[in-house]
């Protein structure tokens, strides 16, 4: 989180964007998304992005099959921050989420990948995510909000058989923890899209908690801490 990223997100307003459609994957502002790219048309997309502004739009296929688009209208604008090429020709990269966008129309062109006309009018406040609260976590959030999320995460982690370092997670600011958990939790595409489109962090937090309890085996709060000696899963 930095003033540089906020300024970058504010001034980055492309009218068109290459689209990378991946079901079950969303990119939220301020978060990092590691990607392993191997399909030829998307290798081409990355090549073009690296030659230009390093911008890619992450979107999900429209699971409801909306005619004329085939893609969900809301996606995440990402900038390539890290890039490497493997010996077998795959690209491994990390996208930094800048802000969300809305697809206005799909462009007809000569690229093997889809491109779209986009706008950011509904997501002006996304840039504020890039400046974190520097005050101690205990003073910057209500304990009840974090406790509710922690209990939901414990219940869901037990269902998934995932081991987490809860002490390490306490150091992550609540808003960022919500966004990262929303991105990596193995929910279905529709649930992921709902988390992406949530109007506020409070809305996303409440939805995330509800989904975690919904998809937990017991539906009850877990009382036992689960530690992982290899460090936190969420970073």
Foldseek 3Di string as FASTA:
>chain_A
DDPVLLVVLQPDWDQKAFEDADFLFAAAAQDKDKDKADDVLVLVVQVVLVVDVQKHWYWYQDPVCDPQPRTAFKGFIWGWPDWDADPVGIIITMTHTRWMKGFPHWDDDDRPTIMGGIGCVLINVSSVVNDDDPDALPPPDDPVLVVLLVQLCQQLCVQVVHFFAVVVVNRDRPLVSLNQCLRPPRDGRVLSVCLRPQSDSVSNSVSVSVVSLVPGPVSGGDDDHGHDPVHGPGD
